[in-house]
C-alpha cells in the first residue's frame, strides 16, 4: 500500500512496500528484507581477497575492494570494476552477503579488481545522496591510484568499468551522463536489470501491469519516497528516455552492455534504453543480453544456476574484450 492508517505502537505507517520496507510518520524505518552483513575475507571457494576502505568519514561512504588470486601471478594490470548494488535505493548494502558472494565469483571469473560502493540509503538520506556518493566513490578510485595499494599495484585505471543492478543500474546511467558532462570517459558501462520506469506503459508492460501483483504496483509509490523532490515518474533520474532527459549520446564511455531478464517487468525499459543508444548518435559500441526465463536480479539468488554462470561469463567477456 502506498499510504496507510495502520499504526505500530501508536506510530502511523505512511508508506509500505510489502515484504520490503515500512516508513512511519515519526521517521522510523523498518526494512523487512533479511540482510546478512558479512565482513571482508579471503574467500576459500574463489581465492578472492577483500578489504574495506573508508572514502568519506563524514558521510560514512565506504567501499569493499576485491582482488582475484591471479593478481599474485601476473604483472598484468587488471581492469577495474566499480560496482553499485541494488535495492531500490533503500535496502541492502555493499556488505550484504548477497553481493559479497556474487562479487567474489564475478571478480574471480572476470579477473578484475572490484570496488563495491556502499552509498547512503533513502529515505533517511534521500536522493541525490546515493548519486553524490556514487560519483564521489568513482572520483576516489580515479584519484587514489597512488594512495591505495591495491589500485596502484594491480589496477589498470585506463580500463574502468561501471556496473550495477536495479537501483545500481540506474546509478550507472546517471554516472555515465555525469562523466560525459565533465568531458570524461571510462571504458564501459553495464546497467543490469535497471530500476528505470516512466509514467506511461511501453511494450508488453500494459498487459502485464493489469495482471501484476499489488506489490509491483505499489513500487511506483516508492519513487517519491526515495526522491522527495522529484517531478514524477518521468523525472529523468528514473526515466532517462523521457522528453527533456539528457541525450544518451553524451554518455562518457566507449562501450555499454545492457542486461535484462525475460521475466522481469523492467525488461521493456532495458530494451528501450538499448535501442535508444543505437539511434541517438552515441558513438560507442552497444551490446544487449537477455537472460531467458529469469526474473529480476536472479543471479543473486541462484548462484549455482547455469543461467547465472552464463551471465557472469558474458560480463567477463565484456570486461576483457581486446
C-alpha atoms as a PDB file:
ATOM      1  CA  UNK A   1       0.000   0.000   0.000  1.00  0.00           C
ATOM      2  CA  UNK A   2       1.295   3.438  -0.847  1.00  0.00           C
ATOM      3  CA  UNK A   3      -0.379   5.003   2.154  1.00  0.00           C
ATOM      4  CA  UNK A   4      -1.807   3.516   5.311  1.00  0.00           C
ATOM      5  CA  UNK A   5      -3.511   4.467   8.519  1.00  0.00           C
ATOM      6  CA  UNK A   6      -2.034   1.408  10.220  1.00  0.00           C
ATOM      7  CA  UNK A   7      -0.072   2.060  13.372  1.00  0.00           C
ATOM      8  CA  UNK A   8       2.699   0.342  15.236  1.00  0.00           C
ATOM      9  CA  UNK A   9       2.831   1.206  18.939  1.00  0.00           C
ATOM     10  CA  UNK A  10       0.986   4.424  18.115  1.00  0.00           C
ATOM     11  CA  UNK A  11       3.277   5.377  15.216  1.00  0.00           C
ATOM     12  CA  UNK A  12       1.427   5.697  11.888  1.00  0.00           C
ATOM     13  CA  UNK A  13       2.737   3.936   8.794  1.00  0.00           C
ATOM     14  CA  UNK A  14       2.800   6.454   5.943  1.00  0.00           C
ATOM     15  CA  UNK A  15       4.259   4.131   3.277  1.00  0.00           C
ATOM     16  CA  UNK A  16       4.619   0.383   2.963  1.00  0.00           C
ATOM     17  CA  UNK A  17       6.048  -1.778   0.203  1.00  0.00           C
ATOM     18  CA  UNK A  18       5.024  -5.304   1.215  1.00  0.00           C
ATOM     19  CA  UNK A  19       7.880  -7.541   2.352  1.00  0.00           C
ATOM     20  CA  UNK A  20      10.327  -4.709   1.648  1.00  0.00           C
ATOM     21  CA  UNK A  21      10.019  -1.574   3.778  1.00  0.00           C
ATOM     22  CA  UNK A  22       7.737   0.290   6.185  1.00  0.00           C
ATOM     23  CA  UNK A  23       8.108   4.019   6.798  1.00  0.00           C
ATOM     24  CA  UNK A  24       6.500   5.723   9.798  1.00  0.00           C
ATOM     25  CA  UNK A  25       5.362   9.267  10.380  1.00  0.00           C
ATOM     26  CA  UNK A  26       7.969   9.653  13.121  1.00  0.00           C
ATOM     27  CA  UNK A  27      10.706   8.997  10.568  1.00  0.00           C
ATOM     28  CA  UNK A  28      11.368   5.480  11.767  1.00  0.00           C
ATOM     29  CA  UNK A  29      12.123   2.957   9.007  1.00  0.00           C
ATOM     30  CA  UNK A  30      11.738  -0.802   9.146  1.00  0.00           C
ATOM     31  CA  UNK A  31      13.490  -2.777   6.419  1.00  0.00           C
ATOM     32  CA  UNK A  32      11.743  -6.115   6.025  1.00  0.00           C
ATOM     33  CA  UNK A  33      14.180  -7.812   3.637  1.00  0.00           C
ATOM     34  CA  UNK A  34      16.592 -10.071   5.551  1.00  0.00           C
ATOM     35  CA  UNK A  35      20.075  -8.622   5.187  1.00  0.00           C
ATOM     36  CA  UNK A  36      23.076 -10.603   6.369  1.00  0.00           C
ATOM     37  CA  UNK A  37      26.046  -8.220   6.660  1.00  0.00           C
ATOM     38  CA  UNK A  38      29.364 -10.060   6.326  1.00  0.00           C
ATOM     39  CA  UNK A  39      32.979  -8.920   6.884  1.00  0.00           C
ATOM     40  CA  UNK A  40      35.715  -8.847   4.228  1.00  0.00           C
ATOM     41  CA  UNK A  41      37.642 -12.087   3.983  1.00  0.00           C
ATOM     42  CA  UNK A  42      39.742 -14.472   1.951  1.00  0.00           C
ATOM     43  CA  UNK A  43      37.078 -16.497   0.148  1.00  0.00           C
ATOM     44  CA  UNK A  44      38.029 -20.203   0.235  1.00  0.00           C
ATOM     45  CA  UNK A  45      35.983 -21.096  -2.856  1.00  0.00           C
ATOM     46  CA  UNK A  46      37.346 -18.460  -5.246  1.00  0.00           C
ATOM     47  CA  UNK A  47      40.613 -17.358  -3.632  1.00  0.00           C
ATOM     48  CA  UNK A  48      39.409 -13.751  -3.821  1.00  0.00           C
ATOM     49  CA  UNK A  49      40.626 -11.403  -1.082  1.00  0.00           C
ATOM     50  CA  UNK A  50      38.533  -8.472   0.095  1.00  0.00           C
ATOM     51  CA  UNK A  51      39.021  -5.477   2.349  1.00  0.00           C
ATOM     52  CA  UNK A  52      37.035  -2.385   3.315  1.00  0.00           C
ATOM     53  CA  UNK A  53      38.088   1.241   2.900  1.00  0.00           C
ATOM     54  CA  UNK A  54      36.536   4.455   4.177  1.00  0.00           C
ATOM     55  CA  UNK A  55      36.197   7.080   1.460  1.00  0.00           C
ATOM     56  CA  UNK A  56      34.472   9.878   3.387  1.00  0.00           C
ATOM     57  CA  UNK A  57      34.250   9.579   7.196  1.00  0.00           C
ATOM     58  CA  UNK A  58      31.787  12.456   7.467  1.00  0.00           C
ATOM     59  CA  UNK A  59      29.133  10.610   5.443  1.00  0.00           C
ATOM     60  CA  UNK A  60      30.305   7.043   6.199  1.00  0.00           C
ATOM     61  CA  UNK A  61      30.857   6.499   2.488  1.00  0.00           C
ATOM     62  CA  UNK A  62      32.900   3.339   2.123  1.00  0.00           C
ATOM     63  CA  UNK A  63      33.659   0.533  -0.290  1.00  0.00           C
ATOM     64  CA  UNK A  64      34.737  -3.096  -0.330  1.00  0.00           C
ATOM     65  CA  UNK A  65      37.633  -3.970  -2.618  1.00  0.00           C
ATOM     66  CA  UNK A  66      38.004  -7.435  -4.154  1.00  0.00           C
ATOM     67  CA  UNK A  67      41.264  -8.819  -5.540  1.00  0.00           C
ATOM     68  CA  UNK A  68      41.346 -12.029  -7.628  1.00  0.00           C
ATOM     69  CA  UNK A  69      44.009 -14.697  -6.973  1.00  0.00           C
ATOM     70  CA  UNK A  70      45.528 -14.041 -10.396  1.00  0.00           C
ATOM     71  CA  UNK A  71      46.863 -10.720  -9.091  1.00  0.00           C
ATOM     72  CA  UNK A  72      49.693 -12.608  -7.377  1.00  0.00           C
ATOM     73  CA  UNK A  73      50.691 -14.498 -10.510  1.00  0.00           C
ATOM     74  CA  UNK A  74      50.955 -11.843 -13.196  1.00  0.00           C
ATOM     75  CA  UNK A  75      52.379  -8.392 -13.789  1.00  0.00           C
ATOM     76  CA  UNK A  76      49.381  -7.562 -15.984  1.00  0.00           C
ATOM     77  CA  UNK A  77      47.276  -4.735 -14.613  1.00  0.00           C
ATOM     78  CA  UNK A  78      43.652  -5.749 -14.063  1.00  0.00           C
ATOM     79  CA  UNK A  79      40.545  -3.983 -15.338  1.00  0.00           C
ATOM     80  CA  UNK A  80      38.868  -2.049 -12.523  1.00  0.00           C
ATOM     81  CA  UNK A  81      35.158  -2.707 -11.948  1.00  0.00           C
ATOM     82  CA  UNK A  82      33.270  -0.183  -9.828  1.00  0.00           C
ATOM     83  CA  UNK A  83      30.043  -1.886  -8.733  1.00  0.00           C
ATOM     84  CA  UNK A  84      26.854  -0.284  -7.396  1.00  0.00           C
ATOM     85  CA  UNK A  85      24.427  -2.555  -5.550  1.00  0.00           C
ATOM     86  CA  UNK A  86      20.658  -2.605  -5.964  1.00  0.00           C
ATOM     87  CA  UNK A  87      17.770  -2.418  -3.530  1.00  0.00           C
ATOM     88  CA  UNK A  88      15.500   0.400  -4.769  1.00  0.00           C
ATOM     89  CA  UNK A  89      17.869   2.942  -3.185  1.00  0.00           C
ATOM     90  CA  UNK A  90      16.550   1.963   0.256  1.00  0.00           C
ATOM     91  CA  UNK A  91      17.539  -1.622   1.161  1.00  0.00           C
ATOM     92  CA  UNK A  92      20.657  -3.836   1.066  1.00  0.00           C
ATOM     93  CA  UNK A  93      24.272  -2.731   1.219  1.00  0.00           C
ATOM     94  CA  UNK A  94      27.599  -3.409  -0.437  1.00  0.00           C
ATOM     95  CA  UNK A  95      28.440  -5.576   2.594  1.00  0.00           C
ATOM     96  CA  UNK A  96      25.333  -7.763   2.256  1.00  0.00           C
ATOM     97  CA  UNK A  97      26.112 -11.445   1.827  1.00  0.00           C
ATOM     98  CA  UNK A  98      24.175 -11.492  -1.466  1.00  0.00           C
ATOM     99  CA  UNK A  99      26.576  -9.001  -3.011  1.00  0.00           C
ATOM    100  CA  UNK A 100      29.683 -10.240  -1.235  1.00  0.00           C
ATOM    101  CA  UNK A 101      29.162 -13.765  -2.565  1.00  0.00           C
ATOM    102  CA  UNK A 102      28.234 -12.611  -6.068  1.00  0.00           C
ATOM    103  CA  UNK A 103      31.218 -10.278  -6.358  1.00  0.00           C
ATOM    104  CA  UNK A 104      33.640 -12.920  -5.103  1.00  0.00           C
ATOM    105  CA  UNK A 105      32.532 -15.095  -8.003  1.00  0.00           C
ATOM    106  CA  UNK A 106      32.444 -12.298 -10.579  1.00  0.00           C
ATOM    107  CA  UNK A 107      35.861 -10.977  -9.525  1.00  0.00           C
ATOM    108  CA  UNK A 108      37.435 -14.409  -9.897  1.00  0.00           C
ATOM    109  CA  UNK A 109      35.718 -15.341 -13.167  1.00  0.00           C
ATOM    110  CA  UNK A 110      36.243 -11.966 -14.830  1.00  0.00           C
ATOM    111  CA  UNK A 111      39.750 -11.461 -13.426  1.00  0.00           C
ATOM    112  CA  UNK A 112      39.055  -7.869 -12.389  1.00  0.00           C
ATOM    113  CA  UNK A 113      39.772  -5.666  -9.386  1.00  0.00           C
ATOM    114  CA  UNK A 114      36.356  -4.801  -7.988  1.00  0.00           C
ATOM    115  CA  UNK A 115      35.332  -1.784  -5.908  1.00  0.00           C
ATOM    116  CA  UNK A 116      31.839  -2.256  -4.434  1.00  0.00           C
ATOM    117  CA  UNK A 117      30.386   1.068  -3.269  1.00  0.00           C
ATOM    118  CA  UNK A 118      28.354   1.364  -0.050  1.00  0.00           C
ATOM    119  CA  UNK A 119      26.325   4.519  -0.718  1.00  0.00           C
ATOM    120  CA  UNK A 120      23.839   6.091   1.689  1.00  0.00           C
ATOM    121  CA  UNK A 121      20.285   4.732   1.654  1.00  0.00           C
ATOM    122  CA  UNK A 122      16.946   6.507   1.410  1.00  0.00           C
ATOM    123  CA  UNK A 123      14.617   7.540   2.946  1.00  0.00           C
ATOM    124  CA  UNK A 124      16.962   8.666   5.740  1.00  0.00           C
ATOM    125  CA  UNK A 125      19.261  10.013   3.023  1.00  0.00           C
ATOM    126  CA  UNK A 126      17.021  10.782   0.027  1.00  0.00           C
ATOM    127  CA  UNK A 127      18.308  11.200  -3.495  1.00  0.00           C
ATOM    128  CA  UNK A 128      20.578  12.687  -4.656  1.00  0.00           C
ATOM    129  CA  UNK A 129      22.617  11.275  -1.724  1.00  0.00           C
ATOM    130  CA  UNK A 130      23.189   7.923  -3.459  1.00  0.00           C
ATOM    131  CA  UNK A 131      24.131   9.675  -6.706  1.00  0.00           C
ATOM    132  CA  UNK A 132      26.503  12.033  -4.898  1.00  0.00           C
ATOM    133  CA  UNK A 133      28.161   9.172  -3.003  1.00  0.00           C
ATOM    134  CA  UNK A 134      28.488   7.109  -6.165  1.00  0.00           C
ATOM    135  CA  UNK A 135      30.165   9.980  -8.022  1.00  0.00           C
ATOM    136  CA  UNK A 136      32.468  10.670  -5.071  1.00  0.00           C
ATOM    137  CA  UNK A 137      33.457   6.993  -4.920  1.00  0.00           C
ATOM    138  CA  UNK A 138      34.247   6.928  -8.633  1.00  0.00           C
ATOM    139  CA  UNK A 139      36.430  10.003  -8.254  1.00  0.00           C
ATOM    140  CA  UNK A 140      38.124   8.357  -5.280  1.00  0.00           C
ATOM    141  CA  UNK A 141      39.003   5.354  -7.446  1.00  0.00           C
ATOM    142  CA  UNK A 142      40.451   7.581 -10.156  1.00  0.00           C
ATOM    143  CA  UNK A 143      42.377   9.845  -7.774  1.00  0.00           C
ATOM    144  CA  UNK A 144      43.696   7.197  -5.362  1.00  0.00           C
ATOM    145  CA  UNK A 145      45.705   5.202  -7.873  1.00  0.00           C
ATOM    146  CA  UNK A 146      48.856   6.034  -5.953  1.00  0.00           C
ATOM    147  CA  UNK A 147      47.417   6.086  -2.442  1.00  0.00           C
ATOM    148  CA  UNK A 148      45.502   2.797  -2.324  1.00  0.00           C
ATOM    149  CA  UNK A 149      47.994  -0.099  -2.756  1.00  0.00           C
ATOM    150  CA  UNK A 150      45.597  -2.477  -4.472  1.00  0.00           C
ATOM    151  CA  UNK A 151      44.687   0.149  -7.059  1.00  0.00           C
ATOM    152  CA  UNK A 152      48.272   1.239  -7.644  1.00  0.00           C
ATOM    153  CA  UNK A 153      49.757  -2.253  -7.722  1.00  0.00           C
ATOM    154  CA  UNK A 154      47.071  -4.169  -9.584  1.00  0.00           C
ATOM    155  CA  UNK A 155      44.546  -1.813 -11.218  1.00  0.00           C
ATOM    156  CA  UNK A 156      44.517  -0.582 -14.796  1.00  0.00           C
ATOM    157  CA  UNK A 157      42.804   2.795 -14.455  1.00  0.00           C
ATOM    158  CA  UNK A 158      42.796   3.126 -18.225  1.00  0.00           C
ATOM    159  CA  UNK A 159      40.216   0.344 -18.249  1.00  0.00           C
ATOM    160  CA  UNK A 160      37.491   1.250 -15.745  1.00  0.00           C
ATOM    161  CA  UNK A 161      34.012  -0.270 -15.912  1.00  0.00           C
ATOM    162  CA  UNK A 162      30.904   0.804 -14.019  1.00  0.00           C
ATOM    163  CA  UNK A 163      28.272  -1.851 -13.346  1.00  0.00           C
ATOM    164  CA  UNK A 164      25.247  -2.174 -11.111  1.00  0.00           C
ATOM    165  CA  UNK A 165      21.930  -3.942 -10.803  1.00  0.00           C
ATOM    166  CA  UNK A 166      18.442  -2.486 -10.295  1.00  0.00           C
ATOM    167  CA  UNK A 167      18.991   0.837  -8.459  1.00  0.00           C
ATOM    168  CA  UNK A 168      22.681   0.316  -9.205  1.00  0.00           C
ATOM    169  CA  UNK A 169      21.883   0.157 -12.919  1.00  0.00           C
ATOM    170  CA  UNK A 170      20.046   3.457 -12.562  1.00  0.00           C
ATOM    171  CA  UNK A 171      23.144   4.890 -10.868  1.00  0.00           C
ATOM    172  CA  UNK A 172      25.353   3.629 -13.697  1.00  0.00           C
ATOM    173  CA  UNK A 173      23.320   5.610 -16.236  1.00  0.00           C
ATOM    174  CA  UNK A 174      23.493   8.725 -14.036  1.00  0.00           C
ATOM    175  CA  UNK A 175      27.276   8.410 -13.743  1.00  0.00           C
ATOM    176  CA  UNK A 176      27.718   7.796 -17.456  1.00  0.00           C
ATOM    177  CA  UNK A 177      25.937  11.064 -18.213  1.00  0.00           C
ATOM    178  CA  UNK A 178      27.821  12.849 -15.429  1.00  0.00           C
ATOM    179  CA  UNK A 179      31.133  11.663 -16.869  1.00  0.00           C
ATOM    180  CA  UNK A 180      30.139  12.907 -20.291  1.00  0.00           C
ATOM    181  CA  UNK A 181      29.133  16.316 -18.935  1.00  0.00           C
ATOM    182  CA  UNK A 182      32.580  16.589 -17.315  1.00  0.00           C
ATOM    183  CA  UNK A 183      34.355  15.636 -20.532  1.00  0.00           C
ATOM    184  CA  UNK A 184      35.491  12.327 -19.004  1.00  0.00           C
ATOM    185  CA  UNK A 185      35.222   8.780 -20.289  1.00  0.00           C
ATOM    186  CA  UNK A 186      35.527   5.261 -18.863  1.00  0.00           C
ATOM    187  CA  UNK A 187      35.853   2.062 -20.834  1.00  0.00           C
ATOM    188  CA  UNK A 188      32.368   0.682 -20.264  1.00  0.00           C
ATOM    189  CA  UNK A 189      29.010   0.695 -18.513  1.00  0.00           C
ATOM    190  CA  UNK A 190      26.955  -2.369 -17.563  1.00  0.00           C
ATOM    191  CA  UNK A 191      23.420  -1.453 -16.400  1.00  0.00           C
ATOM    192  CA  UNK A 192      21.812  -4.701 -15.181  1.00  0.00           C
ATOM    193  CA  UNK A 193      18.017  -5.017 -14.783  1.00  0.00           C
ATOM    194  CA  UNK A 194      17.982  -1.261 -14.257  1.00  0.00           C
ATOM    195  CA  UNK A 195      15.466   0.423 -11.982  1.00  0.00           C
ATOM    196  CA  UNK A 196      14.134   2.819 -14.601  1.00  0.00           C
ATOM    197  CA  UNK A 197      10.459   3.445 -15.203  1.00  0.00           C
ATOM    198  CA  UNK A 198       8.011   6.017 -16.550  1.00  0.00           C
ATOM    199  CA  UNK A 199       4.508   7.390 -16.263  1.00  0.00           C
ATOM    200  CA  UNK A 200       3.179   5.567 -19.340  1.00  0.00           C
ATOM    201  CA  UNK A 201       3.388   1.832 -20.065  1.00  0.00           C
ATOM    202  CA  UNK A 202       5.508   0.676 -23.006  1.00  0.00           C
ATOM    203  CA  UNK A 203       5.640  -2.589 -24.946  1.00  0.00           C
ATOM    204  CA  UNK A 204       4.159  -5.506 -23.036  1.00  0.00           C
ATOM    205  CA  UNK A 205       4.056  -3.547 -19.759  1.00  0.00           C
ATOM    206  CA  UNK A 206       0.408  -2.592 -20.223  1.00  0.00           C
ATOM    207  CA  UNK A 207      -0.903  -6.159 -20.273  1.00  0.00           C
ATOM    208  CA  UNK A 208       1.444  -7.308 -17.527  1.00  0.00           C
ATOM    209  CA  UNK A 209       0.621  -4.288 -15.389  1.00  0.00           C
ATOM    210  CA  UNK A 210      -3.084  -5.161 -15.363  1.00  0.00           C
ATOM    211  CA  UNK A 211      -2.420  -8.651 -14.000  1.00  0.00           C
ATOM    212  CA  UNK A 212       0.589  -7.801 -11.814  1.00  0.00           C
ATOM    213  CA  UNK A 213       0.592  -8.223  -8.066  1.00  0.00           C
ATOM    214  CA  UNK A 214      -0.332  -5.255  -5.932  1.00  0.00           C
ATOM    215  CA  UNK A 215       3.192  -5.090  -4.510  1.00  0.00           C
ATOM    216  CA  UNK A 216       4.556  -4.417  -8.001  1.00  0.00           C
ATOM    217  CA  UNK A 217       2.166  -1.509  -8.487  1.00  0.00           C
ATOM    218  CA  UNK A 218       2.935  -0.237  -5.007  1.00  0.00           C
ATOM    219  CA  UNK A 219       6.567   0.130  -6.094  1.00  0.00           C
ATOM    220  CA  UNK A 220       5.607   3.223  -8.119  1.00  0.00           C
ATOM    221  CA  UNK A 221       4.862   4.949  -4.837  1.00  0.00           C
ATOM    222  CA  UNK A 222       8.397   4.304  -3.626  1.00  0.00           C
ATOM    223  CA  UNK A 223       9.999   6.730  -6.065  1.00  0.00           C
ATOM    224  CA  UNK A 224       8.712   9.941  -4.417  1.00  0.00           C
ATOM    225  CA  UNK A 225       9.753   8.461  -1.070  1.00  0.00           C
ATOM    226  CA  UNK A 226      13.386   7.934  -2.079  1.00  0.00           C
ATOM    227  CA  UNK A 227      13.408  11.123  -4.176  1.00  0.00           C
ATOM    228  CA  UNK A 228      11.041  13.610  -2.471  1.00  0.00           C
ATOM    229  CA  UNK A 229      11.992  16.470  -4.796  1.00  0.00           C
ATOM    230  CA  UNK A 230      11.025  14.515  -7.916  1.00  0.00           C
ATOM    231  CA  UNK A 231       8.748  15.885 -10.634  1.00  0.00           C
ATOM    232  CA  UNK A 232       7.224  12.411 -11.018  1.00  0.00           C
ATOM    233  CA  UNK A 233       7.773   9.152 -12.873  1.00  0.00           C
ATOM    234  CA  UNK A 234       9.052  10.978 -15.939  1.00  0.00           C
ATOM    235  CA  UNK A 235      11.822  12.579 -13.909  1.00  0.00           C
ATOM    236  CA  UNK A 236      14.984  11.961 -15.986  1.00  0.00           C
ATOM    237  CA  UNK A 237      16.568  10.267 -12.967  1.00  0.00           C
ATOM    238  CA  UNK A 238      14.087   7.397 -13.136  1.00  0.00           C
ATOM    239  CA  UNK A 239      13.116   7.749 -16.794  1.00  0.00           C
ATOM    240  CA  UNK A 240      16.222   8.500 -18.887  1.00  0.00           C
ATOM    241  CA  UNK A 241      14.078   8.137 -22.026  1.00  0.00           C
ATOM    242  CA  UNK A 242      11.581  10.862 -21.047  1.00  0.00           C
ATOM    243  CA  UNK A 243      11.142  14.021 -23.102  1.00  0.00           C
ATOM    244  CA  UNK A 244      13.683  16.522 -21.882  1.00  0.00           C
ATOM    245  CA  UNK A 245      16.025  13.908 -20.404  1.00  0.00           C
ATOM    246  CA  UNK A 246      19.745  14.278 -21.232  1.00  0.00           C
ATOM    247  CA  UNK A 247      20.671  12.782 -24.587  1.00  0.00           C
ATOM    248  CA  UNK A 248      22.276   9.356 -24.167  1.00  0.00           C
ATOM    249  CA  UNK A 249      24.706  10.391 -26.882  1.00  0.00           C
ATOM    250  CA  UNK A 250      26.538  12.229 -24.090  1.00  0.00           C
ATOM    251  CA  UNK A 251      27.423   9.033 -22.186  1.00  0.00           C
ATOM    252  CA  UNK A 252      31.058   9.164 -21.120  1.00  0.00           C
ATOM    253  CA  UNK A 253      32.125   5.658 -22.115  1.00  0.00           C
ATOM    254  CA  UNK A 254      33.279   3.632 -25.088  1.00  0.00           C
ATOM    255  CA  UNK A 255      31.066   0.558 -24.647  1.00  0.00           C
ATOM    256  CA  UNK A 256      27.769  -0.418 -22.979  1.00  0.00           C
ATOM    257  CA  UNK A 257      26.329  -3.854 -22.172  1.00  0.00           C
ATOM    258  CA  UNK A 258      22.620  -3.664 -21.279  1.00  0.00           C
ATOM    259  CA  UNK A 259      21.320  -6.720 -19.390  1.00  0.00           C
ATOM    260  CA  UNK A 260      17.671  -7.706 -18.844  1.00  0.00           C
ATOM    261  CA  UNK A 261      15.737 -10.744 -17.614  1.00  0.00           C
ATOM    262  CA  UNK A 262      12.972 -12.228 -19.756  1.00  0.00           C
ATOM    263  CA  UNK A 263      10.518 -12.404 -16.832  1.00  0.00           C
ATOM    264  CA  UNK A 264      11.429  -9.052 -15.296  1.00  0.00           C
ATOM    265  CA  UNK A 265       8.762  -6.355 -15.605  1.00  0.00           C
ATOM    266  CA  UNK A 266      11.614  -3.866 -16.125  1.00  0.00           C
ATOM    267  CA  UNK A 267      12.916  -5.636 -19.239  1.00  0.00           C
ATOM    268  CA  UNK A 268      10.999  -3.406 -21.688  1.00  0.00           C
ATOM    269  CA  UNK A 269      12.768  -0.354 -20.228  1.00  0.00           C
ATOM    270  CA  UNK A 270      16.139  -2.009 -20.624  1.00  0.00           C
ATOM    271  CA  UNK A 271      15.407  -2.949 -24.216  1.00  0.00           C
ATOM    272  CA  UNK A 272      14.161   0.579 -24.991  1.00  0.00           C
ATOM    273  CA  UNK A 273      17.322   2.002 -23.410  1.00  0.00           C
ATOM    274  CA  UNK A 274      19.469  -0.207 -25.644  1.00  0.00           C
ATOM    275  CA  UNK A 275      17.511   0.762 -28.767  1.00  0.00           C
ATOM    276  CA  UNK A 276      17.839   4.442 -27.845  1.00  0.00           C
ATOM    277  CA  UNK A 277      21.593   4.030 -27.523  1.00  0.00           C
ATOM    278  CA  UNK A 278      21.802   2.725 -31.069  1.00  0.00           C
ATOM    279  CA  UNK A 279      19.810   5.596 -32.588  1.00  0.00           C
ATOM    280  CA  UNK A 280      20.730   8.653 -30.509  1.00  0.00           C
ATOM    281  CA  UNK A 281      24.073   9.437 -32.092  1.00  0.00           C
ATOM    282  CA  UNK A 282      26.222   7.942 -29.359  1.00  0.00           C
ATOM    283  CA  UNK A 283      29.490   6.832 -30.950  1.00  0.00           C
ATOM    284  CA  UNK A 284      30.212   3.840 -28.717  1.00  0.00           C
ATOM    285  CA  UNK A 285      29.556   0.122 -29.040  1.00  0.00           C
ATOM    286  CA  UNK A 286      26.299  -1.203 -27.542  1.00  0.00           C
ATOM    287  CA  UNK A 287      25.597  -4.842 -26.633  1.00  0.00           C
ATOM    288  CA  UNK A 288      22.453  -6.466 -25.263  1.00  0.00           C
ATOM    289  CA  UNK A 289      21.908  -9.595 -23.171  1.00  0.00           C
ATOM    290  CA  UNK A 290      18.565 -11.103 -22.195  1.00  0.00           C
ATOM    291  CA  UNK A 291      18.603 -13.983 -19.711  1.00  0.00           C
ATOM    292  CA  UNK A 292      15.812 -16.306 -20.805  1.00  0.00           C
ATOM    293  CA  UNK A 293      13.175 -17.428 -18.294  1.00  0.00           C
ATOM    294  CA  UNK A 294      14.793 -15.424 -15.489  1.00  0.00           C
ATOM    295  CA  UNK A 295      13.411 -12.658 -13.295  1.00  0.00           C
ATOM    296  CA  UNK A 296      14.837  -9.565 -11.634  1.00  0.00           C
ATOM    297  CA  UNK A 297      18.445  -9.963 -10.330  1.00  0.00           C
ATOM    298  CA  UNK A 298      18.119 -13.763 -10.457  1.00  0.00           C
ATOM    299  CA  UNK A 299      21.909 -14.165 -10.294  1.00  0.00           C
ATOM    300  CA  UNK A 300      21.950 -13.002  -6.664  1.00  0.00           C
ATOM    301  CA  UNK A 301      19.521 -15.731  -5.580  1.00  0.00           C
ATOM    302  CA  UNK A 302      20.595 -18.566  -7.901  1.00  0.00           C
ATOM    303  CA  UNK A 303      24.393 -18.546  -7.648  1.00  0.00           C
ATOM    304  CA  UNK A 304      24.767 -22.144  -8.868  1.00  0.00           C
ATOM    305  CA  UNK A 305      22.431 -21.971 -11.874  1.00  0.00           C
ATOM    306  CA  UNK A 306      23.613 -22.346 -15.450  1.00  0.00           C
ATOM    307  CA  UNK A 307      21.942 -19.036 -16.353  1.00  0.00           C
ATOM    308  CA  UNK A 308      23.980 -17.274 -13.653  1.00  0.00           C
ATOM    309  CA  UNK A 309      27.163 -18.856 -14.993  1.00  0.00           C
ATOM    310  CA  UNK A 310      26.219 -17.686 -18.498  1.00  0.00           C
ATOM    311  CA  UNK A 311      25.504 -14.178 -17.203  1.00  0.00           C
ATOM    312  CA  UNK A 312      28.819 -13.930 -15.347  1.00  0.00           C
ATOM    313  CA  UNK A 313      30.739 -15.244 -18.344  1.00  0.00           C
ATOM    314  CA  UNK A 314      29.152 -12.605 -20.590  1.00  0.00           C
ATOM    315  CA  UNK A 315      30.241  -9.877 -18.174  1.00  0.00           C
ATOM    316  CA  UNK A 316      33.743 -11.363 -18.021  1.00  0.00           C
ATOM    317  CA  UNK A 317      33.968 -11.356 -21.805  1.00  0.00           C
ATOM    318  CA  UNK A 318      32.826  -7.730 -21.904  1.00  0.00           C
ATOM    319  CA  UNK A 319      35.404  -6.624 -19.339  1.00  0.00           C
ATOM    320  CA  UNK A 320      38.255  -8.425 -21.054  1.00  0.00           C
ATOM    321  CA  UNK A 321      37.444  -7.713 -24.678  1.00  0.00           C
ATOM    322  CA  UNK A 322      40.544  -6.583 -26.533  1.00  0.00           C
END
